[in-house]
Amino acid sequence: MRRGLGLTALALWAGAASGADCDRPGLAAALQEQGPAVLCIAGAKGPVRLSVEIADTEAERERGLMGRRDLPPGTGMIFIYPTPRRVAFWMHDTPLPLDMLFIEAGGGIETLHENARPFDDTPIWSAGPVRYVLEIAGGQAAALGLRPGQRVLPLD
C-alpha cells in the first residue's frame, strides 16, 4: 500500500512546519486515498489552499498532467517520491504552461520553476533532493506570491 505510506509521510510535514499563516482546523494524520487532497501554503499574499490530485506511483508520476488542456486556479497535482532525490520534469505532451514547485522532505519549497513551456522536452531539474513536486497552472505561483522557503502543509 505505497499510497498510504506516501500520504502518511506527506501528512508528517506538520510536525516541522511553521504554517501559522494557514488556518489549520486539524492536520491530517493521513490524506485520503481517493479524491483530491487539500494543501495549504503560507504564501506572501496570505494562506493559499490548493486541491491537488496525488501521483504517487511510477505510472502516475510518468503520466502527470500530459494531455490536460485545463487546470483551474486553486488546483494542481502533487508528485510523491518514496525517498528524497534530485528529479527532472519535462513538458512532453503537456499543452498548458505549468509552475513547478520542488518541495523538500520537510515541506519547504526548495526550487520554483515558473511557466514551463508547453510541449518542451527540455528537462527541468530540482536544485537538490526533493520528496515532492507540486504542479499548478502557469502564472499561479507569481499571482499567489509563492516562493522558495515557504512551507506546504496538508489539511484535513
N, C-alpha and C. Protein backbone atom coordinates (compact mmCIF):
# COMPACT_ATOMS: atom_id res chain seq x y z
N MET A 1 0.84 -1.19 0.00
CA MET A 1 0.00 0.00 0.00
C MET A 1 0.88 1.24 0.00
N ARG A 2 1.62 1.44 -1.09
CA ARG A 2 2.54 2.57 -1.22
C ARG A 2 1.84 3.89 -1.05
N ARG A 3 0.63 4.01 -1.57
CA ARG A 3 -0.08 5.28 -1.50
C ARG A 3 -0.26 5.70 -0.05
N GLY A 4 -0.64 4.78 0.81
CA GLY A 4 -0.86 5.10 2.22
C GLY A 4 0.42 5.58 2.89
N LEU A 5 1.56 4.94 2.57
CA LEU A 5 2.83 5.34 3.16
C LEU A 5 3.24 6.73 2.70
N GLY A 6 3.10 7.00 1.41
CA GLY A 6 3.45 8.31 0.89
C GLY A 6 2.58 9.40 1.47
N LEU A 7 1.30 9.11 1.61
CA LEU A 7 0.39 10.11 2.14
C LEU A 7 0.64 10.35 3.62
N THR A 8 0.98 9.31 4.34
CA THR A 8 1.30 9.49 5.76
C THR A 8 2.55 10.35 5.89
N ALA A 9 3.55 10.11 5.06
CA ALA A 9 4.76 10.93 5.10
C ALA A 9 4.44 12.37 4.78
N LEU A 10 3.58 12.60 3.80
CA LEU A 10 3.18 13.95 3.45
C LEU A 10 2.51 14.62 4.64
N ALA A 11 1.68 13.90 5.33
CA ALA A 11 0.99 14.46 6.49
C ALA A 11 1.95 14.80 7.62
N LEU A 12 3.07 14.12 7.71
CA LEU A 12 4.02 14.36 8.79
C LEU A 12 4.76 15.69 8.65
N TRP A 13 4.62 16.37 7.53
CA TRP A 13 5.23 17.68 7.37
C TRP A 13 4.82 18.60 8.51
N ALA A 14 3.64 18.41 9.02
CA ALA A 14 3.08 19.31 10.02
C ALA A 14 3.99 19.47 11.23
N GLY A 15 4.65 18.40 11.64
CA GLY A 15 5.48 18.48 12.83
C GLY A 15 6.61 19.48 12.71
N ALA A 16 7.18 19.63 11.53
CA ALA A 16 8.32 20.52 11.35
C ALA A 16 7.92 21.85 10.74
N ALA A 17 6.70 21.98 10.28
CA ALA A 17 6.30 23.18 9.56
C ALA A 17 5.83 24.27 10.51
N SER A 18 6.04 25.50 10.08
CA SER A 18 5.59 26.63 10.87
C SER A 18 4.53 27.38 10.10
N GLY A 19 3.46 26.74 9.75
CA GLY A 19 2.43 27.32 8.90
C GLY A 19 1.40 28.12 9.67
N ALA A 20 1.85 29.05 10.51
CA ALA A 20 0.92 29.83 11.32
C ALA A 20 -0.04 30.62 10.43
N ASP A 21 0.38 30.96 9.21
CA ASP A 21 -0.49 31.73 8.33
C ASP A 21 -1.61 30.89 7.75
N CYS A 22 -1.50 29.59 7.80
CA CYS A 22 -2.52 28.71 7.26
C CYS A 22 -3.49 28.35 8.37
N ASP A 23 -4.76 28.63 8.14
CA ASP A 23 -5.78 28.28 9.12
C ASP A 23 -5.95 26.78 9.06
N ARG A 24 -5.48 26.07 10.07
CA ARG A 24 -5.47 24.62 10.06
C ARG A 24 -6.48 24.08 11.06
N PRO A 25 -7.66 23.64 10.62
CA PRO A 25 -8.61 23.07 11.56
C PRO A 25 -8.09 21.80 12.19
N GLY A 26 -7.20 21.13 11.54
CA GLY A 26 -6.60 19.89 12.05
C GLY A 26 -5.73 19.31 10.97
N LEU A 27 -4.51 18.96 11.32
CA LEU A 27 -3.64 18.35 10.32
C LEU A 27 -4.03 16.91 10.11
N ALA A 28 -4.02 16.50 8.89
CA ALA A 28 -4.40 15.13 8.57
C ALA A 28 -3.34 14.15 9.06
N ALA A 29 -3.76 13.08 9.71
CA ALA A 29 -2.82 12.01 10.07
C ALA A 29 -2.41 11.28 8.81
N ALA A 30 -3.32 11.24 7.86
CA ALA A 30 -3.03 10.70 6.52
C ALA A 30 -4.04 11.32 5.58
N LEU A 31 -3.61 11.63 4.36
CA LEU A 31 -4.53 12.19 3.39
C LEU A 31 -5.39 11.08 2.81
N GLN A 32 -6.59 11.44 2.38
CA GLN A 32 -7.48 10.44 1.80
C GLN A 32 -6.84 9.83 0.57
N GLU A 33 -7.10 8.56 0.35
CA GLU A 33 -6.53 7.87 -0.80
C GLU A 33 -7.33 8.13 -2.07
N GLN A 34 -8.56 8.54 -1.95
CA GLN A 34 -9.39 8.78 -3.13
C GLN A 34 -9.81 10.24 -3.12
N GLY A 35 -9.88 10.82 -4.31
CA GLY A 35 -10.26 12.21 -4.41
C GLY A 35 -9.06 13.10 -4.14
N PRO A 36 -9.25 14.40 -4.33
CA PRO A 36 -8.13 15.31 -4.16
C PRO A 36 -7.77 15.52 -2.69
N ALA A 37 -6.52 15.84 -2.46
CA ALA A 37 -6.03 16.22 -1.14
C ALA A 37 -6.05 17.75 -1.08
N VAL A 38 -6.06 18.29 0.11
CA VAL A 38 -6.02 19.74 0.28
C VAL A 38 -4.69 20.10 0.93
N LEU A 39 -3.97 21.02 0.29
CA LEU A 39 -2.71 21.52 0.81
C LEU A 39 -2.85 23.00 1.11
N CYS A 40 -2.04 23.51 2.02
CA CYS A 40 -2.01 24.93 2.32
C CYS A 40 -0.56 25.40 2.29
N ILE A 41 -0.34 26.54 1.65
CA ILE A 41 0.98 27.15 1.61
C ILE A 41 0.86 28.52 2.26
N ALA A 42 1.75 28.81 3.21
CA ALA A 42 1.77 30.12 3.85
C ALA A 42 2.45 31.08 2.88
N GLY A 43 1.69 31.59 1.91
CA GLY A 43 2.22 32.43 0.85
C GLY A 43 2.43 33.87 1.28
N ALA A 44 3.19 34.63 0.49
CA ALA A 44 3.49 36.03 0.78
C ALA A 44 2.23 36.88 0.77
N LYS A 45 1.21 36.47 0.04
CA LYS A 45 -0.05 37.22 -0.04
C LYS A 45 -1.13 36.61 0.83
N GLY A 46 -0.74 35.75 1.76
CA GLY A 46 -1.70 35.09 2.64
C GLY A 46 -1.74 33.60 2.37
N PRO A 47 -2.53 32.87 3.18
CA PRO A 47 -2.60 31.42 3.02
C PRO A 47 -3.21 31.04 1.68
N VAL A 48 -2.64 30.03 1.07
CA VAL A 48 -3.09 29.53 -0.22
C VAL A 48 -3.53 28.08 -0.03
N ARG A 49 -4.79 27.79 -0.33
CA ARG A 49 -5.29 26.41 -0.27
C ARG A 49 -5.41 25.87 -1.68
N LEU A 50 -4.93 24.66 -1.85
CA LEU A 50 -4.96 24.01 -3.16
C LEU A 50 -5.55 22.62 -3.04
N SER A 51 -6.43 22.29 -3.96
CA SER A 51 -6.98 20.94 -4.07
C SER A 51 -6.14 20.22 -5.12
N VAL A 52 -5.45 19.16 -4.70
CA VAL A 52 -4.49 18.52 -5.60
C VAL A 52 -4.77 17.04 -5.80
N GLU A 53 -4.52 16.60 -7.02
CA GLU A 53 -4.53 15.17 -7.32
C GLU A 53 -3.18 14.61 -6.87
N ILE A 54 -3.17 13.34 -6.51
CA ILE A 54 -1.96 12.71 -6.00
C ILE A 54 -1.41 11.73 -7.03
N ALA A 55 -0.11 11.89 -7.34
CA ALA A 55 0.61 10.96 -8.22
C ALA A 55 1.72 10.34 -7.39
N ASP A 56 1.48 9.13 -6.87
CA ASP A 56 2.48 8.51 -6.00
C ASP A 56 2.94 7.14 -6.47
N THR A 57 2.52 6.73 -7.66
CA THR A 57 3.05 5.50 -8.25
C THR A 57 3.89 5.90 -9.46
N GLU A 58 4.76 5.01 -9.89
CA GLU A 58 5.60 5.32 -11.04
C GLU A 58 4.76 5.66 -12.26
N ALA A 59 3.70 4.90 -12.51
CA ALA A 59 2.84 5.15 -13.67
C ALA A 59 2.16 6.52 -13.56
N GLU A 60 1.67 6.86 -12.38
CA GLU A 60 1.01 8.16 -12.20
C GLU A 60 2.00 9.31 -12.37
N ARG A 61 3.21 9.14 -11.85
CA ARG A 61 4.23 10.19 -11.98
C ARG A 61 4.65 10.35 -13.44
N GLU A 62 4.75 9.25 -14.19
CA GLU A 62 5.12 9.32 -15.61
C GLU A 62 4.05 10.03 -16.42
N ARG A 63 2.80 9.78 -16.12
CA ARG A 63 1.69 10.38 -16.87
C ARG A 63 1.48 11.84 -16.49
N GLY A 64 1.51 12.12 -15.20
CA GLY A 64 1.36 13.50 -14.73
C GLY A 64 0.16 14.21 -15.33
N LEU A 65 0.39 15.40 -15.84
CA LEU A 65 -0.68 16.22 -16.43
C LEU A 65 -0.64 16.20 -17.95
N MET A 66 0.01 15.20 -18.54
CA MET A 66 0.06 15.10 -20.00
C MET A 66 -1.35 15.08 -20.58
N GLY A 67 -1.53 15.83 -21.64
CA GLY A 67 -2.81 15.84 -22.34
C GLY A 67 -3.86 16.75 -21.72
N ARG A 68 -3.63 17.27 -20.54
CA ARG A 68 -4.61 18.16 -19.90
C ARG A 68 -4.64 19.50 -20.62
N ARG A 69 -5.83 19.97 -20.88
CA ARG A 69 -5.98 21.26 -21.55
C ARG A 69 -6.41 22.36 -20.58
N ASP A 70 -6.75 21.96 -19.35
CA ASP A 70 -7.22 22.95 -18.38
C ASP A 70 -6.78 22.53 -16.98
N LEU A 71 -6.36 23.49 -16.19
CA LEU A 71 -6.02 23.28 -14.79
C LEU A 71 -6.50 24.53 -14.05
N PRO A 72 -7.70 24.46 -13.48
CA PRO A 72 -8.29 25.65 -12.85
C PRO A 72 -7.44 26.19 -11.70
N PRO A 73 -7.53 27.50 -11.44
CA PRO A 73 -6.85 28.07 -10.28
C PRO A 73 -7.28 27.33 -9.01
N GLY A 74 -6.34 27.18 -8.09
CA GLY A 74 -6.64 26.50 -6.84
C GLY A 74 -6.55 24.99 -6.91
N THR A 75 -6.08 24.48 -8.06
CA THR A 75 -5.93 23.03 -8.22
C THR A 75 -4.52 22.71 -8.72
N GLY A 76 -4.16 21.44 -8.66
CA GLY A 76 -2.87 21.02 -9.15
C GLY A 76 -2.68 19.53 -8.98
N MET A 77 -1.44 19.10 -9.12
CA MET A 77 -1.09 17.70 -8.92
C MET A 77 0.19 17.66 -8.10
N ILE A 78 0.21 16.79 -7.07
CA ILE A 78 1.42 16.61 -6.28
C ILE A 78 2.00 15.23 -6.57
N PHE A 79 3.29 15.23 -6.87
CA PHE A 79 4.04 14.01 -7.17
C PHE A 79 4.80 13.64 -5.90
N ILE A 80 4.59 12.42 -5.42
CA ILE A 80 5.21 11.96 -4.18
C ILE A 80 6.22 10.86 -4.51
N TYR A 81 7.45 11.04 -4.04
CA TYR A 81 8.51 10.05 -4.23
C TYR A 81 8.77 9.33 -2.91
N PRO A 82 9.14 8.05 -2.97
CA PRO A 82 9.34 7.28 -1.74
C PRO A 82 10.46 7.84 -0.86
N THR A 83 11.50 8.39 -1.49
CA THR A 83 12.63 8.96 -0.75
C THR A 83 13.07 10.24 -1.47
N PRO A 84 13.74 11.15 -0.76
CA PRO A 84 14.23 12.37 -1.41
C PRO A 84 15.24 12.02 -2.51
N ARG A 85 15.19 12.77 -3.59
CA ARG A 85 16.09 12.57 -4.73
C ARG A 85 16.06 13.82 -5.60
N ARG A 86 17.06 13.97 -6.41
CA ARG A 86 17.05 15.04 -7.40
C ARG A 86 16.18 14.55 -8.55
N VAL A 87 15.24 15.37 -8.98
CA VAL A 87 14.30 14.95 -10.02
C VAL A 87 14.30 15.94 -11.18
N ALA A 88 13.88 15.45 -12.34
CA ALA A 88 13.72 16.28 -13.53
C ALA A 88 12.33 16.07 -14.09
N PHE A 89 11.70 17.15 -14.51
CA PHE A 89 10.39 17.11 -15.15
C PHE A 89 10.53 17.69 -16.55
N TRP A 90 9.59 17.33 -17.41
CA TRP A 90 9.54 17.89 -18.75
C TRP A 90 8.09 18.15 -19.09
N MET A 91 7.86 18.77 -20.24
CA MET A 91 6.51 19.16 -20.63
C MET A 91 6.02 18.37 -21.84
N HIS A 92 6.59 17.19 -22.05
CA HIS A 92 6.21 16.33 -23.17
C HIS A 92 4.70 16.09 -23.16
N ASP A 93 4.04 16.36 -24.28
CA ASP A 93 2.59 16.16 -24.44
C ASP A 93 1.75 16.91 -23.41
N THR A 94 2.28 18.00 -22.89
CA THR A 94 1.54 18.82 -21.93
C THR A 94 1.23 20.15 -22.60
N PRO A 95 -0.06 20.40 -22.95
CA PRO A 95 -0.42 21.56 -23.75
C PRO A 95 -0.61 22.87 -22.99
N LEU A 96 -0.45 22.88 -21.67
CA LEU A 96 -0.63 24.13 -20.94
C LEU A 96 0.62 24.45 -20.13
N PRO A 97 0.95 25.74 -19.96
CA PRO A 97 2.12 26.09 -19.16
C PRO A 97 1.87 25.73 -17.69
N LEU A 98 2.93 25.33 -17.01
CA LEU A 98 2.82 24.94 -15.60
C LEU A 98 3.90 25.61 -14.76
N ASP A 99 3.57 25.87 -13.50
CA ASP A 99 4.55 26.24 -12.49
C ASP A 99 4.86 24.97 -11.71
N MET A 100 6.14 24.73 -11.44
CA MET A 100 6.57 23.53 -10.72
C MET A 100 7.24 23.95 -9.42
N LEU A 101 6.73 23.45 -8.31
CA LEU A 101 7.30 23.71 -7.00
C LEU A 101 7.98 22.43 -6.53
N PHE A 102 9.29 22.46 -6.41
CA PHE A 102 10.06 21.32 -5.94
C PHE A 102 10.16 21.45 -4.42
N ILE A 103 9.68 20.44 -3.69
CA ILE A 103 9.47 20.55 -2.25
C ILE A 103 10.32 19.52 -1.51
N GLU A 104 11.06 20.00 -0.51
CA GLU A 104 11.92 19.14 0.31
C GLU A 104 11.08 18.21 1.17
N ALA A 105 11.72 17.18 1.71
CA ALA A 105 11.03 16.22 2.57
C ALA A 105 10.37 16.89 3.77
N GLY A 106 10.96 17.98 4.27
CA GLY A 106 10.40 18.70 5.41
C GLY A 106 9.25 19.63 5.06
N GLY A 107 8.92 19.78 3.78
CA GLY A 107 7.79 20.59 3.38
C GLY A 107 8.13 21.97 2.85
N GLY A 108 9.41 22.35 2.86
CA GLY A 108 9.78 23.67 2.34
C GLY A 108 9.93 23.66 0.83
N ILE A 109 9.51 24.73 0.19
CA ILE A 109 9.69 24.86 -1.26
C ILE A 109 11.18 25.10 -1.51
N GLU A 110 11.82 24.17 -2.21
CA GLU A 110 13.26 24.22 -2.47
C GLU A 110 13.55 25.03 -3.73
N THR A 111 12.81 24.78 -4.78
CA THR A 111 13.01 25.42 -6.07
C THR A 111 11.65 25.70 -6.68
N LEU A 112 11.55 26.77 -7.44
CA LEU A 112 10.31 27.11 -8.13
C LEU A 112 10.66 27.38 -9.59
N HIS A 113 10.01 26.67 -10.50
CA HIS A 113 10.17 26.92 -11.93
C HIS A 113 8.83 27.42 -12.45
N GLU A 114 8.82 28.64 -12.98
CA GLU A 114 7.57 29.25 -13.42
C GLU A 114 7.38 29.14 -14.93
N ASN A 115 6.13 28.93 -15.32
CA ASN A 115 5.71 28.93 -16.72
C ASN A 115 6.54 28.02 -17.62
N ALA A 116 6.62 26.77 -17.24
CA ALA A 116 7.28 25.79 -18.11
C ALA A 116 6.54 25.77 -19.45
N ARG A 117 7.30 25.77 -20.53
CA ARG A 117 6.72 25.86 -21.87
C ARG A 117 6.02 24.58 -22.30
N PRO A 118 4.79 24.70 -22.81
CA PRO A 118 4.06 23.53 -23.31
C PRO A 118 4.87 22.76 -24.36
N PHE A 119 4.78 21.45 -24.30
CA PHE A 119 5.38 20.52 -25.26
C PHE A 119 6.91 20.55 -25.31
N ASP A 120 7.56 21.21 -24.36
CA ASP A 120 9.02 21.31 -24.35
C ASP A 120 9.61 20.08 -23.65
N ASP A 121 10.51 19.38 -24.34
CA ASP A 121 11.13 18.18 -23.78
C ASP A 121 12.41 18.46 -22.99
N THR A 122 12.76 19.73 -22.81
CA THR A 122 13.95 20.08 -22.04
C THR A 122 13.73 19.74 -20.56
N PRO A 123 14.65 19.00 -19.93
CA PRO A 123 14.47 18.66 -18.51
C PRO A 123 14.52 19.90 -17.61
N ILE A 124 13.66 19.91 -16.61
CA ILE A 124 13.62 20.96 -15.59
C ILE A 124 13.98 20.26 -14.28
N TRP A 125 15.15 20.57 -13.74
CA TRP A 125 15.70 19.85 -12.59
C TRP A 125 15.44 20.57 -11.28
N SER A 126 15.28 19.80 -10.22
CA SER A 126 15.31 20.37 -8.88
C SER A 126 16.77 20.73 -8.58
N ALA A 127 16.97 21.71 -7.70
CA ALA A 127 18.34 22.10 -7.36
C ALA A 127 19.03 21.05 -6.50
N GLY A 128 18.25 20.33 -5.71
CA GLY A 128 18.79 19.31 -4.82
C GLY A 128 17.76 18.22 -4.62
N PRO A 129 17.95 17.36 -3.63
CA PRO A 129 17.00 16.29 -3.38
C PRO A 129 15.66 16.82 -2.87
N VAL A 130 14.59 16.32 -3.45
CA VAL A 130 13.23 16.68 -3.04
C VAL A 130 12.41 15.41 -2.87
N ARG A 131 11.34 15.52 -2.15
CA ARG A 131 10.45 14.38 -1.95
C ARG A 131 9.14 14.57 -2.70
N TYR A 132 8.81 15.84 -3.02
CA TYR A 132 7.52 16.16 -3.63
C TYR A 132 7.72 17.20 -4.72
N VAL A 133 6.85 17.16 -5.73
CA VAL A 133 6.79 18.21 -6.73
C VAL A 133 5.32 18.56 -6.90
N LEU A 134 5.02 19.84 -6.83
CA LEU A 134 3.65 20.32 -6.99
C LEU A 134 3.57 21.08 -8.30
N GLU A 135 2.65 20.66 -9.17
CA GLU A 135 2.42 21.38 -10.43
C GLU A 135 1.09 22.12 -10.33
N ILE A 136 1.14 23.41 -10.69
CA ILE A 136 -0.06 24.25 -10.74
C ILE A 136 -0.03 25.00 -12.07
N ALA A 137 -1.14 25.63 -12.43
CA ALA A 137 -1.22 26.33 -13.70
C ALA A 137 -0.15 27.42 -13.79
N GLY A 138 0.41 27.59 -14.98
CA GLY A 138 1.43 28.60 -15.21
C GLY A 138 0.95 29.98 -14.81
N GLY A 139 1.79 30.70 -14.08
CA GLY A 139 1.47 32.05 -13.62
C GLY A 139 0.84 32.10 -12.24
N GLN A 140 0.37 30.96 -11.75
CA GLN A 140 -0.29 30.94 -10.44
C GLN A 140 0.69 31.19 -9.29
N ALA A 141 1.91 30.69 -9.39
CA ALA A 141 2.88 30.90 -8.31
C ALA A 141 3.11 32.39 -8.07
N ALA A 142 3.32 33.15 -9.14
CA ALA A 142 3.52 34.59 -9.01
C ALA A 142 2.25 35.28 -8.51
N ALA A 143 1.11 34.90 -9.07
CA ALA A 143 -0.16 35.52 -8.67
C ALA A 143 -0.46 35.29 -7.19
N LEU A 144 -0.03 34.15 -6.66
CA LEU A 144 -0.30 33.80 -5.26
C LEU A 144 0.84 34.19 -4.31
N GLY A 145 1.92 34.72 -4.86
CA GLY A 145 3.05 35.12 -4.02
C GLY A 145 3.85 33.95 -3.48
N LEU A 146 3.93 32.85 -4.23
CA LEU A 146 4.67 31.67 -3.77
C LEU A 146 6.14 31.83 -4.13
N ARG A 147 7.01 31.34 -3.22
CA ARG A 147 8.46 31.44 -3.46
C ARG A 147 9.19 30.40 -2.62
N PRO A 148 10.46 30.12 -2.98
CA PRO A 148 11.25 29.17 -2.20
C PRO A 148 11.32 29.56 -0.73
N GLY A 149 11.36 28.53 0.12
CA GLY A 149 11.43 28.73 1.56
C GLY A 149 10.08 28.66 2.26
N GLN A 150 9.00 28.88 1.52
CA GLN A 150 7.67 28.78 2.13
C GLN A 150 7.34 27.32 2.40
N ARG A 151 6.44 27.09 3.35
CA ARG A 151 6.07 25.74 3.76
C ARG A 151 4.76 25.31 3.13
N VAL A 152 4.69 24.02 2.79
CA VAL A 152 3.48 23.40 2.27
C VAL A 152 2.98 22.45 3.35
N LEU A 153 1.70 22.58 3.70
CA LEU A 153 1.10 21.76 4.76
C LEU A 153 -0.11 21.01 4.24
N PRO A 154 -0.29 19.76 4.65
CA PRO A 154 -1.53 19.05 4.31
C PRO A 154 -2.62 19.44 5.30
N LEU A 155 -3.86 19.47 4.84
CA LEU A 155 -5.01 19.78 5.69
C LEU A 155 -6.01 18.64 5.66
N ASP A 156 -6.88 18.59 6.64
CA ASP A 156 -8.00 17.62 6.64
C ASP A 156 -8.93 17.97 5.51
